[in-house]
C-alpha atoms as a PDB file:
ATOM      1  CA  MET A   1      -6.674 -10.935   1.519  1.00  0.00           C
ATOM      2  CA  VAL A   2      -2.918 -10.279   1.639  1.00  0.00           C
ATOM      3  CA  THR A   3      -1.147  -7.663   3.764  1.00  0.00           C
ATOM      4  CA  LEU A   4       2.233  -6.280   2.717  1.00  0.00           C
ATOM      5  CA  LEU A   5       4.679  -4.053   4.568  1.00  0.00           C
ATOM      6  CA  ILE A   6       6.643  -1.854   2.150  1.00  0.00           C
ATOM      7  CA  SER A   7       9.733  -0.455   3.860  1.00  0.00           C
ATOM      8  CA  SER A   8      12.646   1.857   3.140  1.00  0.00           C
ATOM      9  CA  GLY A   9      14.357   0.382   6.200  1.00  0.00           C
ATOM     10  CA  ASN A  10      16.848   2.840   7.619  1.00  0.00           C
ATOM     11  CA  GLY A  11      17.727   4.058   4.136  1.00  0.00           C
ATOM     12  CA  PRO A  12      18.157   7.722   3.157  1.00  0.00           C
ATOM     13  CA  GLY A  13      15.546  10.021   1.627  1.00  0.00           C
ATOM     14  CA  GLU A  14      16.030   8.517  -1.820  1.00  0.00           C
ATOM     15  CA  CYS A  15      14.770   5.194  -0.464  1.00  0.00           C
ATOM     16  CA  GLN A  16      11.647   6.978   0.777  1.00  0.00           C
ATOM     17  CA  GLN A  17      11.181   8.374  -2.737  1.00  0.00           C
ATOM     18  CA  ALA A  18      11.502   4.812  -4.017  1.00  0.00           C
ATOM     19  CA  VAL A  19       8.739   3.669  -1.652  1.00  0.00           C
ATOM     20  CA  GLY A  20       6.516   6.385  -3.133  1.00  0.00           C
ATOM     21  CA  HIS A  21       7.237   5.104  -6.640  1.00  0.00           C
ATOM     22  CA  VAL A  22       6.498   1.535  -5.555  1.00  0.00           C
ATOM     23  CA  LEU A  23       3.118   2.544  -4.147  1.00  0.00           C
ATOM     24  CA  THR A  24       2.206   4.328  -7.385  1.00  0.00           C
ATOM     25  CA  ARG A  25       3.205   1.337  -9.509  1.00  0.00           C
ATOM     26  CA  LEU A  26       1.506  -1.131  -7.172  1.00  0.00           C
ATOM     27  CA  ALA A  27      -1.725   0.885  -7.421  1.00  0.00           C
ATOM     28  CA  GLU A  28      -1.509   0.862 -11.233  1.00  0.00           C
ATOM     29  CA  GLU A  29      -0.992  -2.897 -11.349  1.00  0.00           C
ATOM     30  CA  ALA A  30      -3.777  -3.526  -8.847  1.00  0.00           C
ATOM     31  CA  GLU A  31      -6.230  -1.479 -10.915  1.00  0.00           C
ATOM     32  CA  ALA A  32      -5.193  -3.197 -14.150  1.00  0.00           C
ATOM     33  CA  GLN A  33      -5.674  -6.633 -12.575  1.00  0.00           C
ATOM     34  CA  GLY A  34      -8.918  -5.875 -10.759  1.00  0.00           C
ATOM     35  CA  VAL A  35      -7.329  -6.210  -7.319  1.00  0.00           C
ATOM     36  CA  THR A  36      -8.595  -4.004  -4.503  1.00  0.00           C
ATOM     37  CA  LEU A  37      -5.783  -2.059  -2.818  1.00  0.00           C
ATOM     38  CA  ASP A  38      -5.988  -0.147   0.467  1.00  0.00           C
ATOM     39  CA  LEU A  39      -2.980   1.769   1.776  1.00  0.00           C
ATOM     40  CA  ALA A  40      -1.847   3.287   5.057  1.00  0.00           C
ATOM     41  CA  GLU A  41       1.398   5.293   4.803  1.00  0.00           C
ATOM     42  CA  ARG A  42       3.937   6.538   7.339  1.00  0.00           C
ATOM     43  CA  ALA A  43       5.234   9.815   6.004  1.00  0.00           C
ATOM     44  CA  GLY A  44       8.897  10.801   5.996  1.00  0.00           C
ATOM     45  CA  ARG A  45      10.612  13.997   4.941  1.00  0.00           C
ATOM     46  CA  THR A  46      10.981  13.032   1.272  1.00  0.00           C
ATOM     47  CA  GLY A  47       8.335  10.305   0.874  1.00  0.00           C
ATOM     48  CA  PRO A  48       6.768   7.416   2.769  1.00  0.00           C
ATOM     49  CA  VAL A  49       9.142   5.725   5.208  1.00  0.00           C
ATOM     50  CA  SER A  50       6.915   2.674   5.008  1.00  0.00           C
ATOM     51  CA  ALA A  51       3.401   1.678   4.054  1.00  0.00           C
ATOM     52  CA  ILE A  52       0.924  -1.094   4.706  1.00  0.00           C
ATOM     53  CA  ALA A  53      -0.884  -2.425   1.653  1.00  0.00           C
ATOM     54  CA  VAL A  54      -3.955  -4.630   1.967  1.00  0.00           C
ATOM     55  CA  LEU A  55      -4.737  -6.505  -1.261  1.00  0.00           C
ATOM     56  CA  SER A  56      -7.995  -8.337  -1.782  1.00  0.00           C
ATOM     57  CA  GLY A  57      -9.722 -10.037  -4.677  1.00  0.00           C
ATOM     58  CA  ALA A  58      -9.071 -13.007  -6.939  1.00  0.00           C
ATOM     59  CA  GLY A  59      -5.648 -11.808  -8.065  1.00  0.00           C
ATOM     60  CA  ALA A  60      -4.353 -10.587  -4.690  1.00  0.00           C
ATOM     61  CA  GLU A  61      -2.024 -13.538  -4.029  1.00  0.00           C
ATOM     62  CA  ALA A  62      -0.389 -13.388  -7.450  1.00  0.00           C
ATOM     63  CA  LEU A  63       0.078  -9.623  -7.294  1.00  0.00           C
ATOM     64  CA  ALA A  64       1.563  -9.792  -3.806  1.00  0.00           C
ATOM     65  CA  ALA A  65       3.998 -12.521  -4.872  1.00  0.00           C
ATOM     66  CA  ARG A  66       5.129 -10.329  -7.767  1.00  0.00           C
ATOM     67  CA  TRP A  67       6.174  -7.567  -5.342  1.00  0.00           C
ATOM     68  CA  GLU A  68       7.605  -9.476  -2.387  1.00  0.00           C
ATOM     69  CA  GLY A  69      11.347  -9.221  -1.843  1.00  0.00           C
ATOM     70  CA  VAL A  70      14.074  -6.648  -2.459  1.00  0.00           C
ATOM     71  CA  LEU A  71      13.362  -3.903  -5.004  1.00  0.00           C
ATOM     72  CA  ILE A  72      16.118  -1.738  -6.488  1.00  0.00           C
ATOM     73  CA  TRP A  73      15.685   1.718  -7.991  1.00  0.00           C
ATOM     74  CA  ARG A  74      18.711   2.836 -10.019  1.00  0.00           C
ATOM     75  CA  CYS A  75      18.667   6.586 -10.436  1.00  0.00           C
ATOM     76  CA  PRO A  76      20.985   9.538  -9.719  1.00  0.00           C
ATOM     77  CA  SER A  77      19.921  11.333  -6.552  1.00  0.00           C
ATOM     78  CA  THR A  78      17.615  14.314  -7.023  1.00  0.00           C
ATOM     79  CA  LEU A  79      18.085  15.208  -3.367  1.00  0.00           C
ATOM     80  CA  ARG A  80      21.881  15.313  -3.458  1.00  0.00           C
ATOM     81  CA  PRO A  81      23.066  16.273  -6.970  1.00  0.00           C
ATOM     82  CA  GLY A  82      26.482  14.848  -7.696  1.00  0.00           C
ATOM     83  CA  HIS A  83      26.159  12.111  -5.080  1.00  0.00           C
ATOM     84  CA  LYS A  84      27.946   8.997  -6.327  1.00  0.00           C
ATOM     85  CA  ARG A  85      25.419   6.459  -5.094  1.00  0.00           C
ATOM     86  CA  LYS A  86      22.707   5.503  -7.603  1.00  0.00           C
ATOM     87  CA  ASN A  87      21.172   2.337  -6.105  1.00  0.00           C
ATOM     88  CA  TRP A  88      18.249   2.752  -3.680  1.00  0.00           C
ATOM     89  CA  PHE A  89      16.558  -0.160  -1.935  1.00  0.00           C
ATOM     90  CA  VAL A  90      13.048  -1.036  -0.786  1.00  0.00           C
ATOM     91  CA  GLN A  91      11.879  -4.334   0.643  1.00  0.00           C
ATOM     92  CA  VAL A  92       8.371  -5.747   0.633  1.00  0.00           C
ATOM     93  CA  PHE A  93       7.383  -8.187   3.385  1.00  0.00           C
ATOM     94  CA  ARG A  94       4.192 -10.161   3.870  1.00  0.00           C
ATOM     95  CA  LEU A  95       2.600  -9.573   7.270  1.00  0.00           C
ATOM     96  CA  PRO A  96       0.925 -12.589   8.913  1.00  0.00           C
ATOM     97  CA  SER A  97      -2.763 -12.691   9.724  1.00  0.00           C
ATOM     98  CA  THR A  98      -3.401 -11.057  13.070  1.00  0.00           C
ATOM     99  CA  ALA A  99      -5.959 -10.519  15.770  1.00  0.00           C
ATOM    100  CA  ARG A 100      -8.190  -7.472  15.582  1.00  0.00           C
ATOM    101  CA  GLY A 101      -6.690  -4.047  16.138  1.00  0.00           C
ATOM    102  CA  ALA A 102      -8.628  -0.992  17.270  1.00  0.00           C
ATOM    103  CA  HIS A 103     -12.393  -1.440  17.158  1.00  0.00           C
ATOM    104  CA  ILE A 104     -14.005   0.845  14.586  1.00  0.00           C
ATOM    105  CA  ASP A 105     -17.301   2.365  15.674  1.00  0.00           C
ATOM    106  CA  PRO A 106     -19.385   2.857  12.493  1.00  0.00           C
ATOM    107  CA  ARG A 107     -20.750   6.075  14.000  1.00  0.00           C
ATOM    108  CA  GLU A 108     -17.230   7.534  13.942  1.00  0.00           C
ATOM    109  CA  VAL A 109     -16.648   6.772  10.258  1.00  0.00           C
ATOM    110  CA  GLU A 110     -17.093   9.601   7.763  1.00  0.00           C
ATOM    111  CA  MET A 111     -18.840   8.180   4.694  1.00  0.00           C
ATOM    112  CA  THR A 112     -19.508  10.044   1.460  1.00  0.00           C
ATOM    113  CA  ALA A 113     -21.477   8.726  -1.516  1.00  0.00           C
ATOM    114  CA  ILE A 114     -19.685   9.231  -4.839  1.00  0.00           C
ATOM    115  CA  ARG A 115     -20.270   8.157  -8.412  1.00  0.00           C
ATOM    116  CA  ALA A 116     -19.088   4.618  -9.074  1.00  0.00           C
ATOM    117  CA  GLY A 117     -16.373   5.336 -11.633  1.00  0.00           C
ATOM    118  CA  GLY A 118     -13.512   3.075 -12.582  1.00  0.00           C
ATOM    119  CA  PRO A 119     -13.425   0.309 -15.190  1.00  0.00           C
ATOM    120  CA  GLY A 120     -16.526  -0.404 -17.205  1.00  0.00           C
ATOM    121  CA  GLY A 121     -16.904   2.448 -19.660  1.00  0.00           C
ATOM    122  CA  GLN A 122     -20.491   3.055 -20.748  1.00  0.00           C
ATOM    123  CA  HIS A 123     -21.643  -0.003 -18.809  1.00  0.00           C
ATOM    124  CA  GLN A 124     -20.362   1.167 -15.422  1.00  0.00           C
ATOM    125  CA  ASN A 125     -22.777   2.164 -12.701  1.00  0.00           C
ATOM    126  CA  LYS A 126     -23.475   5.907 -13.011  1.00  0.00           C
ATOM    127  CA  THR A 127     -25.397   6.243  -9.743  1.00  0.00           C
ATOM    128  CA  SER A 128     -23.850   7.549  -6.526  1.00  0.00           C
ATOM    129  CA  SER A 129     -23.535   4.106  -4.993  1.00  0.00           C
ATOM    130  CA  ALA A 130     -19.767   4.094  -4.382  1.00  0.00           C
ATOM    131  CA  ILE A 131     -18.565   5.054  -0.920  1.00  0.00           C
ATOM    132  CA  ARG A 132     -15.541   7.005   0.250  1.00  0.00           C
ATOM    133  CA  ALA A 133     -14.959   6.190   3.912  1.00  0.00           C
ATOM    134  CA  ARG A 134     -12.489   7.715   6.362  1.00  0.00           C
ATOM    135  CA  TRP A 135     -11.697   6.810   9.946  1.00  0.00           C
ATOM    136  CA  GLY A 136      -8.726   8.585  11.488  1.00  0.00           C
ATOM    137  CA  VAL A 137      -5.704   8.140   9.235  1.00  0.00           C
ATOM    138  CA  TYR A 138      -7.373   5.385   7.195  1.00  0.00           C
ATOM    139  CA  ALA A 139      -9.378   5.973   4.035  1.00  0.00           C
ATOM    140  CA  VAL A 140     -10.896   3.647   1.437  1.00  0.00           C
ATOM    141  CA  VAL A 141     -13.055   3.954  -1.668  1.00  0.00           C
ATOM    142  CA  VAL A 142     -15.501   1.096  -2.292  1.00  0.00           C
ATOM    143  CA  ARG A 143     -17.322   0.637  -5.584  1.00  0.00           C
ATOM    144  CA  ASP A 144     -17.675  -3.141  -5.657  1.00  0.00           C
ATOM    145  CA  HIS A 145     -21.475  -3.290  -5.473  1.00  0.00           C
ATOM    146  CA  ARG A 146     -24.395  -1.400  -6.959  1.00  0.00           C
ATOM    147  CA  SER A 147     -25.945  -1.253  -3.520  1.00  0.00           C
ATOM    148  CA  GLN A 148     -24.771   1.675  -1.403  1.00  0.00           C
ATOM    149  CA  HIS A 149     -25.628  -0.335   1.698  1.00  0.00           C
ATOM    150  CA  GLN A 150     -23.323  -3.195   0.635  1.00  0.00           C
ATOM    151  CA  ASN A 151     -20.532  -0.765  -0.185  1.00  0.00           C
ATOM    152  CA  ARG A 152     -20.856   0.843   3.255  1.00  0.00           C
ATOM    153  CA  ARG A 153     -20.557  -2.556   4.910  1.00  0.00           C
ATOM    154  CA  LEU A 154     -17.531  -3.450   2.795  1.00  0.00           C
ATOM    155  CA  ALA A 155     -15.945  -0.067   3.545  1.00  0.00           C
ATOM    156  CA  LEU A 156     -16.096  -0.849   7.266  1.00  0.00           C
ATOM    157  CA  GLU A 157     -14.498  -4.258   6.654  1.00  0.00           C
ATOM    158  CA  ARG A 158     -11.650  -2.734   4.651  1.00  0.00           C
ATOM    159  CA  LEU A 159     -11.047   0.026   7.202  1.00  0.00           C
ATOM    160  CA  GLN A 160     -10.881  -2.666   9.859  1.00  0.00           C
ATOM    161  CA  ALA A 161      -8.372  -4.632   7.768  1.00  0.00           C
ATOM    162  CA  LEU A 162      -6.111  -1.571   7.607  1.00  0.00           C
ATOM    163  CA  ALA A 163      -6.430  -1.004  11.341  1.00  0.00           C
ATOM    164  CA  ASP A 164      -5.649  -4.676  11.984  1.00  0.00           C
ATOM    165  CA  ALA A 165      -2.553  -4.540   9.774  1.00  0.00           C
ATOM    166  CA  ASP A 166      -1.376  -1.377  11.500  1.00  0.00           C
ATOM    167  CA  ALA A 167      -1.852  -3.064  14.858  1.00  0.00           C
ATOM    168  CA  ALA A 168       0.159  -6.048  13.612  1.00  0.00           C
ATOM    169  CA  GLU A 169       3.112  -3.860  12.737  1.00  0.00           C
ATOM    170  CA  ALA A 170       2.854  -1.985  16.036  1.00  0.00           C
ATOM    171  CA  ARG A 171       2.816  -5.269  17.937  1.00  0.00           C
ATOM    172  CA  ALA A 172       5.793  -6.526  15.939  1.00  0.00           C
ATOM    173  CA  ALA A 173       7.621  -3.309  16.784  1.00  0.00           C
ATOM    174  CA  ARG A 174       6.997  -3.868  20.495  1.00  0.00           C
ATOM    175  CA  GLU A 175       8.320  -7.394  20.176  1.00  0.00           C
ATOM    176  CA  GLY A 176      11.347  -6.298  18.168  1.00  0.00           C
ATOM    177  CA  GLN A 177      10.203  -7.985  14.955  1.00  0.00           C
ATOM    178  CA  ALA A 178       9.454  -4.829  12.968  1.00  0.00           C
ATOM    179  CA  HIS A 179      12.872  -3.434  13.866  1.00  0.00           C
ATOM    180  CA  TRP A 180      14.367  -6.615  12.441  1.00  0.00           C
ATOM    181  CA  LEU A 181      12.220  -6.386   9.314  1.00  0.00           C
ATOM    182  CA  HIS A 182      12.983  -2.743   8.632  1.00  0.00           C
ATOM    183  CA  HIS A 183      16.711  -3.364   8.964  1.00  0.00           C
ATOM    184  CA  GLN A 184      16.874  -6.608   7.002  1.00  0.00           C
ATOM    185  CA  LEU A 185      17.038  -4.917   3.609  1.00  0.00           C
ATOM    186  CA  GLN A 186      19.214  -7.306   1.665  1.00  0.00           C
ATOM    187  CA  ARG A 187      21.402  -5.752  -0.973  1.00  0.00           C
ATOM    188  CA  GLY A 188      21.239  -8.544  -3.533  1.00  0.00           C
ATOM    189  CA  ASP A 189      18.928 -10.814  -5.492  1.00  0.00           C
ATOM    190  CA  PRO A 190      16.340  -8.126  -6.316  1.00  0.00           C
ATOM    191  CA  ALA A 191      12.820  -9.271  -7.095  1.00  0.00           C
ATOM    192  CA  ARG A 192      12.408  -6.322  -9.472  1.00  0.00           C
ATOM    193  CA  THR A 193      14.644  -3.527 -10.742  1.00  0.00           C
ATOM    194  CA  PHE A 194      13.510  -0.047 -11.795  1.00  0.00           C
ATOM    195  CA  GLU A 195      15.516   2.719 -13.431  1.00  0.00           C
ATOM    196  CA  GLY A 196      15.451   6.479 -13.892  1.00  0.00           C
ATOM    197  CA  PRO A 197      13.135   9.279 -12.757  1.00  0.00           C
ATOM    198  CA  GLN A 198      10.198   7.594 -14.518  1.00  0.00           C
ATOM    199  CA  PHE A 199      10.703   4.408 -12.458  1.00  0.00           C
ATOM    200  CA  ARG A 200      10.698   2.199 -15.536  1.00  0.00           C
ATOM    201  CA  GLU A 201      11.118  -1.509 -14.946  1.00  0.00           C
ATOM    202  CA  ARG A 202      14.265  -2.984 -16.344  1.00  0.00           C
END
């Protein structure tokens, strides 16, 4: 399991839009590679200011490594037409493993059985064994197992992982580390570069 902090730093609204694009692309890559992705976002006025992404599965490490570092989105501003600046920055940090955050009482979790869609075509499980679980601001969908009971257990584990990651960032903020992270957006050596309204990779 890998936990990433995706941050617009103290950048303008266009950087928040870039974070939104990153989350969409990260979700697409995770699905294509069979990696489980859970997200918790902090909303801003024009998009997420930051987000916590918890990746799990066989390809989690490789996918995380592909996204870590400075990301650049080159696109004319849609918020301020005519604005000269066209480069918008996002940085992706790996959060360390942490102690447990808020304890999740299973009785407080809203769980709904849904059909287990996703990859698999005609061979996928058509029964309502998948689980959509929500606890406060956190929500996950689990379709890993054919057993609804197993999916409920895994849903609790993944909700807890999100809560733990959120607690890690909050603790870092209290200790001044998150402030440092959010403001350490380096303006060079991008890990990946994207261009235009469609957020196409260069």
